[in-house]
C-alpha atoms as a PDB file:
ATOM      1  CA  LEU A   1     101.421 180.072 152.597  1.00  0.00           C
ATOM      2  CA  CYS A   2     102.501 180.826 149.093  1.00  0.00           C
ATOM      3  CA  LEU A   3     101.127 177.514 147.876  1.00  0.00           C
ATOM      4  CA  PHE A   4      97.651 178.119 149.206  1.00  0.00           C
ATOM      5  CA  SER A   5      97.456 181.570 147.568  1.00  0.00           C
ATOM      6  CA  HIS A   6      97.123 179.939 144.135  1.00  0.00           C
ATOM      7  CA  PRO A   7      93.969 178.414 142.664  1.00  0.00           C
ATOM      8  CA  PRO A   8      93.562 174.631 143.361  1.00  0.00           C
ATOM      9  CA  GLU A   9      94.420 173.628 139.766  1.00  0.00           C
ATOM     10  CA  GLU A  10      97.629 175.656 139.755  1.00  0.00           C
ATOM     11  CA  SER A  11      98.608 174.346 143.192  1.00  0.00           C
ATOM     12  CA  LYS A  12      98.337 170.744 141.913  1.00  0.00           C
ATOM     13  CA  ALA A  13     100.532 171.561 138.886  1.00  0.00           C
ATOM     14  CA  MET A  14     103.204 173.102 141.100  1.00  0.00           C
ATOM     15  CA  GLY A  15     102.962 170.422 143.801  1.00  0.00           C
ATOM     16  CA  LEU A  16     104.357 167.513 141.723  1.00  0.00           C
ATOM     17  CA  PRO A  17     107.650 169.209 140.743  1.00  0.00           C
ATOM     18  CA  LEU A  18     108.129 170.398 144.336  1.00  0.00           C
ATOM     19  CA  LEU A  19     107.518 166.880 145.620  1.00  0.00           C
ATOM     20  CA  LEU A  20     110.131 165.492 143.237  1.00  0.00           C
ATOM     21  CA  LEU A  21     112.643 168.115 144.379  1.00  0.00           C
ATOM     22  CA  LEU A  22     112.030 167.123 147.985  1.00  0.00           C
ATOM     23  CA  LEU A  23     112.513 163.425 147.206  1.00  0.00           C
ATOM     24  CA  LEU A  24     115.562 163.957 144.964  1.00  0.00           C
ATOM     25  CA  PRO A  25     118.168 163.746 147.753  1.00  0.00           C
ATOM     26  CA  LEU A  26     116.626 160.472 148.937  1.00  0.00           C
ATOM     27  CA  LEU A  27     116.988 158.698 145.583  1.00  0.00           C
ATOM     28  CA  PRO A  28     120.071 156.482 145.100  1.00  0.00           C
ATOM     29  CA  PRO A  29     122.663 157.984 142.746  1.00  0.00           C
ATOM     30  CA  ALA A  30     122.504 154.946 140.462  1.00  0.00           C
ATOM     31  CA  SER A  31     118.956 155.746 139.358  1.00  0.00           C
ATOM     32  CA  LEU A  32     120.049 159.182 138.144  1.00  0.00           C
ATOM     33  CA  GLN A  33     122.705 157.853 135.788  1.00  0.00           C
ATOM     34  CA  ALA A  34     122.159 157.151 132.138  1.00  0.00           C
ATOM     35  CA  GLY A  35     121.349 153.471 131.874  1.00  0.00           C
ATOM     36  CA  GLY A  36     121.513 152.996 135.637  1.00  0.00           C
ATOM     37  CA  SER A  37     124.124 150.961 137.475  1.00  0.00           C
ATOM     38  CA  ALA A  38     123.326 147.309 138.053  1.00  0.00           C
ATOM     39  CA  LYS A  39     125.503 146.608 141.072  1.00  0.00           C
ATOM     40  CA  CYS A  40     127.012 143.149 141.210  1.00  0.00           C
ATOM     41  CA  THR A  41     125.830 140.729 143.859  1.00  0.00           C
ATOM     42  CA  SER A  42     129.419 139.488 144.147  1.00  0.00           C
ATOM     43  CA  ASN A  43     132.289 141.482 145.642  1.00  0.00           C
ATOM     44  CA  LEU A  44     133.477 142.547 142.185  1.00  0.00           C
ATOM     45  CA  ASP A  45     133.115 146.111 140.907  1.00  0.00           C
ATOM     46  CA  TYR A  46     132.122 144.821 137.491  1.00  0.00           C
ATOM     47  CA  GLU A  47     131.481 141.426 135.946  1.00  0.00           C
ATOM     48  CA  VAL A  48     130.252 139.604 132.814  1.00  0.00           C
ATOM     49  CA  LYS A  49     128.329 136.370 133.277  1.00  0.00           C
ATOM     50  CA  GLN A  50     127.965 133.593 130.684  1.00  0.00           C
ATOM     51  CA  PRO A  51     127.075 129.878 130.840  1.00  0.00           C
ATOM     52  CA  ALA A  52     130.171 127.695 131.180  1.00  0.00           C
ATOM     53  CA  ARG A  53     129.169 125.193 128.474  1.00  0.00           C
ATOM     54  CA  LEU A  54     126.682 124.895 125.632  1.00  0.00           C
ATOM     55  CA  SER A  55     126.198 122.435 122.780  1.00  0.00           C
ATOM     56  CA  ALA A  56     124.323 122.471 119.480  1.00  0.00           C
ATOM     57  CA  PRO A  57     124.169 120.286 116.343  1.00  0.00           C
ATOM     58  CA  GLU A  58     126.159 121.041 113.215  1.00  0.00           C
ATOM     59  CA  GLY A  59     124.081 123.112 110.797  1.00  0.00           C
ATOM     60  CA  GLY A  60     121.842 124.442 113.577  1.00  0.00           C
ATOM     61  CA  SER A  61     121.876 127.647 115.652  1.00  0.00           C
ATOM     62  CA  ILE A  62     122.850 128.551 119.210  1.00  0.00           C
ATOM     63  CA  ASP A  63     122.169 131.552 121.470  1.00  0.00           C
ATOM     64  CA  ILE A  64     124.969 132.364 123.932  1.00  0.00           C
ATOM     65  CA  PRO A  65     123.357 134.437 126.724  1.00  0.00           C
ATOM     66  CA  PHE A  66     125.285 137.070 128.689  1.00  0.00           C
ATOM     67  CA  SER A  67     124.675 139.633 131.416  1.00  0.00           C
ATOM     68  CA  PHE A  68     126.871 142.281 133.016  1.00  0.00           C
ATOM     69  CA  CYS A  69     126.890 144.355 136.168  1.00  0.00           C
ATOM     70  CA  HIS A  70     128.975 147.190 137.652  1.00  0.00           C
ATOM     71  CA  SER A  71     129.104 149.813 140.372  1.00  0.00           C
ATOM     72  CA  LEU A  72     130.524 152.601 138.219  1.00  0.00           C
ATOM     73  CA  GLU A  73     129.237 156.145 137.905  1.00  0.00           C
ATOM     74  CA  LEU A  74     128.398 156.488 134.229  1.00  0.00           C
ATOM     75  CA  ALA A  75     128.701 159.508 131.979  1.00  0.00           C
ATOM     76  CA  SER A  76     125.538 161.160 130.712  1.00  0.00           C
ATOM     77  CA  ASP A  77     126.115 159.211 127.484  1.00  0.00           C
ATOM     78  CA  PRO A  78     127.939 156.031 128.553  1.00  0.00           C
ATOM     79  CA  LYS A  79     128.254 154.704 124.975  1.00  0.00           C
ATOM     80  CA  VAL A  80     127.968 151.063 125.979  1.00  0.00           C
ATOM     81  CA  ARG A  81     129.598 148.731 123.463  1.00  0.00           C
ATOM     82  CA  ILE A  82     129.504 144.940 123.276  1.00  0.00           C
ATOM     83  CA  SER A  83     132.126 142.838 121.531  1.00  0.00           C
ATOM     84  CA  TRP A  84     132.976 139.135 121.376  1.00  0.00           C
ATOM     85  CA  ARG A  85     136.224 137.164 121.213  1.00  0.00           C
ATOM     86  CA  TRP A  86     136.689 133.481 120.511  1.00  0.00           C
ATOM     87  CA  LYS A  87     139.167 130.628 121.085  1.00  0.00           C
ATOM     88  CA  ASP A  88     140.775 132.120 124.224  1.00  0.00           C
ATOM     89  CA  TYR A  89     140.689 135.156 126.519  1.00  0.00           C
ATOM     90  CA  HIS A  90     142.991 137.175 124.234  1.00  0.00           C
ATOM     91  CA  GLY A  91     141.657 135.640 121.015  1.00  0.00           C
ATOM     92  CA  GLU A  92     140.487 137.354 117.851  1.00  0.00           C
ATOM     93  CA  PHE A  93     137.441 139.593 117.882  1.00  0.00           C
ATOM     94  CA  ILE A  94     134.581 138.090 115.901  1.00  0.00           C
ATOM     95  CA  TYR A  95     131.895 140.737 116.576  1.00  0.00           C
ATOM     96  CA  SER A  96     131.565 144.345 117.709  1.00  0.00           C
ATOM     97  CA  THR A  97     128.639 146.756 117.956  1.00  0.00           C
ATOM     98  CA  THR A  98     130.749 149.944 117.683  1.00  0.00           C
ATOM     99  CA  PRO A  99     132.278 150.202 115.205  1.00  0.00           C
ATOM    100  CA  PRO A 100     130.226 147.497 113.491  1.00  0.00           C
ATOM    101  CA  PHE A 101     132.403 144.466 112.784  1.00  0.00           C
ATOM    102  CA  THR A 102     131.909 140.781 111.971  1.00  0.00           C
ATOM    103  CA  HIS A 103     134.763 138.322 111.472  1.00  0.00           C
ATOM    104  CA  GLU A 104     135.131 136.915 107.952  1.00  0.00           C
ATOM    105  CA  ASP A 105     134.522 133.347 109.200  1.00  0.00           C
ATOM    106  CA  PHE A 106     131.162 134.421 110.631  1.00  0.00           C
ATOM    107  CA  LYS A 107     129.798 136.600 107.823  1.00  0.00           C
ATOM    108  CA  ASN A 108     125.984 136.511 107.770  1.00  0.00           C
ATOM    109  CA  ARG A 109     126.010 134.071 110.703  1.00  0.00           C
ATOM    110  CA  LEU A 110     126.120 136.361 113.759  1.00  0.00           C
ATOM    111  CA  SER A 111     123.397 138.491 115.323  1.00  0.00           C
ATOM    112  CA  LEU A 112     123.276 140.217 118.720  1.00  0.00           C
ATOM    113  CA  ASN A 113     120.006 140.353 120.625  1.00  0.00           C
ATOM    114  CA  TRP A 114     120.689 143.403 122.810  1.00  0.00           C
ATOM    115  CA  THR A 115     119.823 147.104 123.132  1.00  0.00           C
ATOM    116  CA  LYS A 116     121.856 149.842 124.822  1.00  0.00           C
ATOM    117  CA  ASP A 117     119.502 150.184 127.774  1.00  0.00           C
ATOM    118  CA  GLN A 118     119.771 146.469 128.626  1.00  0.00           C
ATOM    119  CA  ARG A 119     122.339 144.709 130.768  1.00  0.00           C
ATOM    120  CA  ASN A 120     121.697 141.282 129.272  1.00  0.00           C
ATOM    121  CA  GLY A 121     121.271 139.747 125.854  1.00  0.00           C
ATOM    122  CA  SER A 122     122.528 136.917 123.665  1.00  0.00           C
ATOM    123  CA  LEU A 123     124.769 136.286 120.683  1.00  0.00           C
ATOM    124  CA  ARG A 124     123.265 133.996 118.048  1.00  0.00           C
ATOM    125  CA  ILE A 125     125.504 131.881 115.803  1.00  0.00           C
ATOM    126  CA  SER A 126     123.673 130.365 112.843  1.00  0.00           C
ATOM    127  CA  ASN A 127     124.571 127.619 110.370  1.00  0.00           C
ATOM    128  CA  LEU A 128     127.009 126.078 112.849  1.00  0.00           C
ATOM    129  CA  ARG A 129     130.162 124.407 111.564  1.00  0.00           C
ATOM    130  CA  ARG A 130     132.451 121.860 113.199  1.00  0.00           C
ATOM    131  CA  GLU A 131     135.194 124.485 113.525  1.00  0.00           C
ATOM    132  CA  ASP A 132     132.853 126.734 115.566  1.00  0.00           C
ATOM    133  CA  GLY A 133     133.415 124.434 118.530  1.00  0.00           C
ATOM    134  CA  ARG A 134     135.524 126.893 120.574  1.00  0.00           C
ATOM    135  CA  SER A 135     135.213 129.191 123.605  1.00  0.00           C
ATOM    136  CA  TYR A 136     133.474 132.582 123.309  1.00  0.00           C
ATOM    137  CA  PHE A 137     134.071 135.644 125.507  1.00  0.00           C
ATOM    138  CA  CYS A 138     131.808 138.691 125.856  1.00  0.00           C
ATOM    139  CA  ARG A 139     133.447 142.081 126.509  1.00  0.00           C
ATOM    140  CA  VAL A 140     131.696 145.243 127.753  1.00  0.00           C
ATOM    141  CA  GLN A 141     133.067 148.746 127.210  1.00  0.00           C
ATOM    142  CA  LEU A 142     131.535 152.016 128.428  1.00  0.00           C
ATOM    143  CA  THR A 143     132.315 155.596 129.442  1.00  0.00           C
ATOM    144  CA  THR A 144     132.275 156.624 133.099  1.00  0.00           C
ATOM    145  CA  ARG A 145     131.828 160.073 134.558  1.00  0.00           C
ATOM    146  CA  ASN A 146     135.166 160.393 136.361  1.00  0.00           C
ATOM    147  CA  GLU A 147     137.323 157.455 135.219  1.00  0.00           C
ATOM    148  CA  GLY A 148     136.972 157.641 131.442  1.00  0.00           C
ATOM    149  CA  GLU A 149     136.729 154.426 129.421  1.00  0.00           C
ATOM    150  CA  LYS A 150     136.212 151.168 131.298  1.00  0.00           C
ATOM    151  CA  MET A 151     136.107 147.681 129.823  1.00  0.00           C
ATOM    152  CA  TRP A 152     135.851 144.207 131.258  1.00  0.00           C
ATOM    153  CA  GLN A 153     135.361 140.720 129.889  1.00  0.00           C
ATOM    154  CA  SER A 154     134.173 137.277 130.891  1.00  0.00           C
ATOM    155  CA  ILE A 155     137.118 135.302 132.244  1.00  0.00           C
ATOM    156  CA  GLU A 156     136.007 131.738 131.583  1.00  0.00           C
ATOM    157  CA  GLY A 157     133.761 132.427 128.591  1.00  0.00           C
ATOM    158  CA  THR A 158     131.414 129.806 127.158  1.00  0.00           C
ATOM    159  CA  LYS A 159     132.749 126.528 125.753  1.00  0.00           C
ATOM    160  CA  LEU A 160     130.661 125.595 122.709  1.00  0.00           C
ATOM    161  CA  THR A 161     130.517 121.970 121.576  1.00  0.00           C
ATOM    162  CA  ILE A 162     129.277 121.125 118.080  1.00  0.00           C
ATOM    163  CA  THR A 163     127.608 117.724 117.851  1.00  0.00           C
ATOM    164  CA  ARG A 164     127.061 115.634 114.745  1.00  0.00           C
ATOM    165  CA  ALA A 165     123.891 116.368 112.822  1.00  0.00           C
ATOM    166  CA  THR A 166     121.137 113.758 113.158  1.00  0.00           C
ATOM    167  CA  GLU A 167     121.306 111.222 110.338  1.00  0.00           C
ATOM    168  CA  LYS A 168     118.507 111.814 107.842  1.00  0.00           C
ATOM    169  CA  THR A 169     116.507 108.923 106.409  1.00  0.00           C
ATOM    170  CA  THR A 170     114.830 108.785 103.025  1.00  0.00           C
ATOM    171  CA  LYS A 171     111.850 106.538 102.336  1.00  0.00           C
ATOM    172  CA  ASP A 172     110.431 104.955  99.193  1.00  0.00           C
ATOM    173  CA  PRO A 173     107.190 102.914  98.815  1.00  0.00           C
ATOM    174  CA  THR A 174     108.900  99.570  99.452  1.00  0.00           C
ATOM    175  CA  SER A 175     111.939 100.211 101.640  1.00  0.00           C
ATOM    176  CA  THR A 176     113.624 102.584 104.110  1.00  0.00           C
ATOM    177  CA  THR A 177     117.213 103.636 103.450  1.00  0.00           C
ATOM    178  CA  SER A 178     119.498 105.368 105.989  1.00  0.00           C
ATOM    179  CA  THR A 179     122.560 107.445 105.218  1.00  0.00           C
ATOM    180  CA  THR A 180     124.559 104.646 106.837  1.00  0.00           C
ATOM    181  CA  SER A 181     124.280 101.634 104.548  1.00  0.00           C
ATOM    182  CA  THR A 182     124.432  98.056 105.849  1.00  0.00           C
ATOM    183  CA  THR A 183     124.643  94.667 104.111  1.00  0.00           C
ATOM    184  CA  SER A 184     122.076  92.064 105.069  1.00  0.00           C
ATOM    185  CA  THR A 185     120.737  88.831 103.581  1.00  0.00           C
ATOM    186  CA  SER A 186     117.311  87.383 104.295  1.00  0.00           C
ATOM    187  CA  THR A 187     115.903  84.010 103.203  1.00  0.00           C
ATOM    188  CA  THR A 188     112.577  84.126 101.354  1.00  0.00           C
ATOM    189  CA  THR A 189     112.175  80.482 100.198  1.00  0.00           C
ATOM    190  CA  ASP A 190     114.166  77.281 100.616  1.00  0.00           C
ATOM    191  CA  GLY A 191     117.427  77.623  98.777  1.00  0.00           C
ATOM    192  CA  LEU A 192     116.768  81.248  97.662  1.00  0.00           C
ATOM    193  CA  GLY A 193     118.357  84.328  99.208  1.00  0.00           C
ATOM    194  CA  VAL A 194     118.230  88.091  98.580  1.00  0.00           C
ATOM    195  CA  SER A 195     121.505  89.972  98.958  1.00  0.00           C
ATOM    196  CA  GLY A 196     120.933  93.476 100.345  1.00  0.00           C
ATOM    197  CA  ASP A 197     124.156  94.987  99.023  1.00  0.00           C
ATOM    198  CA  LYS A 198     123.861  93.661  95.444  1.00  0.00           C
ATOM    199  CA  GLY A 199     120.158  94.262  94.961  1.00  0.00           C
ATOM    200  CA  ARG A 200     119.626  90.954  93.099  1.00  0.00           C
ATOM    201  CA  SER A 201     118.561  87.371  93.820  1.00  0.00           C
ATOM    202  CA  GLU A 202     120.895  84.390  93.846  1.00  0.00           C
ATOM    203  CA  PHE A 203     120.647  80.636  94.663  1.00  0.00           C
ATOM    204  CA  TRP A 204     122.334  79.121  97.645  1.00  0.00           C
ATOM    205  CA  PRO A 205     123.923  75.572  97.303  1.00  0.00           C
ATOM    206  CA  PHE A 206     121.524  72.728  98.176  1.00  0.00           C
ATOM    207  CA  SER A 207     122.292  70.640 101.272  1.00  0.00           C
ATOM    208  CA  LYS A 208     123.657  67.084 101.067  1.00  0.00           C
ATOM    209  CA  GLU A 209     120.366  65.555 102.240  1.00  0.00           C
ATOM    210  CA  VAL A 210     118.428  67.311  99.484  1.00  0.00           C
ATOM    211  CA  VAL A 211     120.901  66.084  96.837  1.00  0.00           C
ATOM    212  CA  VAL A 212     120.654  62.461  98.053  1.00  0.00           C
ATOM    213  CA  SER A 213     116.861  62.586  98.114  1.00  0.00           C
ATOM    214  CA  MET A 214     116.731  63.932  94.574  1.00  0.00           C
ATOM    215  CA  ALA A 215     119.091  61.165  93.393  1.00  0.00           C
ATOM    216  CA  VAL A 216     116.925  58.413  94.947  1.00  0.00           C
ATOM    217  CA  VAL A 217     113.751  59.829  93.411  1.00  0.00           C
ATOM    218  CA  SER A 218     115.451  60.032  90.001  1.00  0.00           C
ATOM    219  CA  THR A 219     116.644  56.388  90.220  1.00  0.00           C
ATOM    220  CA  VAL A 220     113.219  55.087  91.213  1.00  0.00           C
ATOM    221  CA  LEU A 221     111.619  57.029  88.388  1.00  0.00           C
ATOM    222  CA  LYS A 222     114.084  55.603  85.860  1.00  0.00           C
ATOM    223  CA  ILE A 223     113.461  52.004  87.069  1.00  0.00           C
ATOM    224  CA  ALA A 224     109.706  52.491  86.796  1.00  0.00           C
ATOM    225  CA  ILE A 225     109.988  53.841  83.239  1.00  0.00           C
ATOM    226  CA  LEU A 226     112.329  51.000  82.236  1.00  0.00           C
ATOM    227  CA  GLY A 227     109.970  48.372  83.704  1.00  0.00           C
ATOM    228  CA  LEU A 228     107.025  49.896  81.866  1.00  0.00           C
ATOM    229  CA  MET A 229     108.930  49.763  78.541  1.00  0.00           C
ATOM    230  CA  ILE A 230     109.861  46.063  79.083  1.00  0.00           C
ATOM    231  CA  TYR A 231     106.268  45.189  79.907  1.00  0.00           C
ATOM    232  CA  LEU A 232     104.932  46.944  76.798  1.00  0.00           C
ATOM    233  CA  ARG A 233     107.449  45.095  74.538  1.00  0.00           C
ATOM    234  CA  TRP A 234     106.575  41.753  76.096  1.00  0.00           C
ATOM    235  CA  LYS A 235     102.891  42.440  75.666  1.00  0.00           C
ATOM    236  CA  ARG A 236     103.403  43.355  71.971  1.00  0.00           C
ATOM    237  CA  SER A 237     105.556  40.274  71.181  1.00  0.00           C
ATOM    238  CA  LYS A 238     102.988  37.921  72.669  1.00  0.00           C
ATOM    239  CA  GLY A 239     100.318  39.193  70.342  1.00  0.00           C
ATOM    240  CA  PRO A 240      96.590  38.763  70.727  1.00  0.00           C
ATOM    241  CA  ASP A 241      95.240  35.466  72.132  1.00  0.00           C
END
């Protein structure tokens, strides 16, 4: 009765808050917590998920995705913090959001794609090196309402494999050269070869058949010249008729 005693406009303004108060007991507790509570689909109370294996070329970049879930009752300000270890489960920390920290070996090479209201994100490693080929573990830390600080970490982590960079090729107007050099010889004319490793031309030895043929031709030519000289002398000594 009290509601209908007010003008229509005022009744509408008061109706929405009253409706919310009536629905409040029906809402799940998780939706009333700061940041919510993404309950795990598994039987675990909390969990961090990462891909088991990833690979990327040396000199490139890689994004290691992660997501976390829990069934904890969070404080009004849960102060969610993300940090990363490498090598093994109890390895060195290489990154932390709070307090801000980056390992010396990863200076200017790490960036976290994540905000405090998200339960997933990714860690990017840039300018990859051969020694980056290790396992990486994401750890989540937050404040609960009744149990204080809670933290949990991926158990298996992500095994990162660094592959060799693709060999680059350089081209000039006449040839193509790869970073891996090879030695090859190709024949251009009979008896003439080009050596790929020396970059110059050289003659190959003639075959036995070619040598014999040249000797026969030379002998025949000499006999013909000698016969011509004898004929000319005989012709001169005979004189005119």
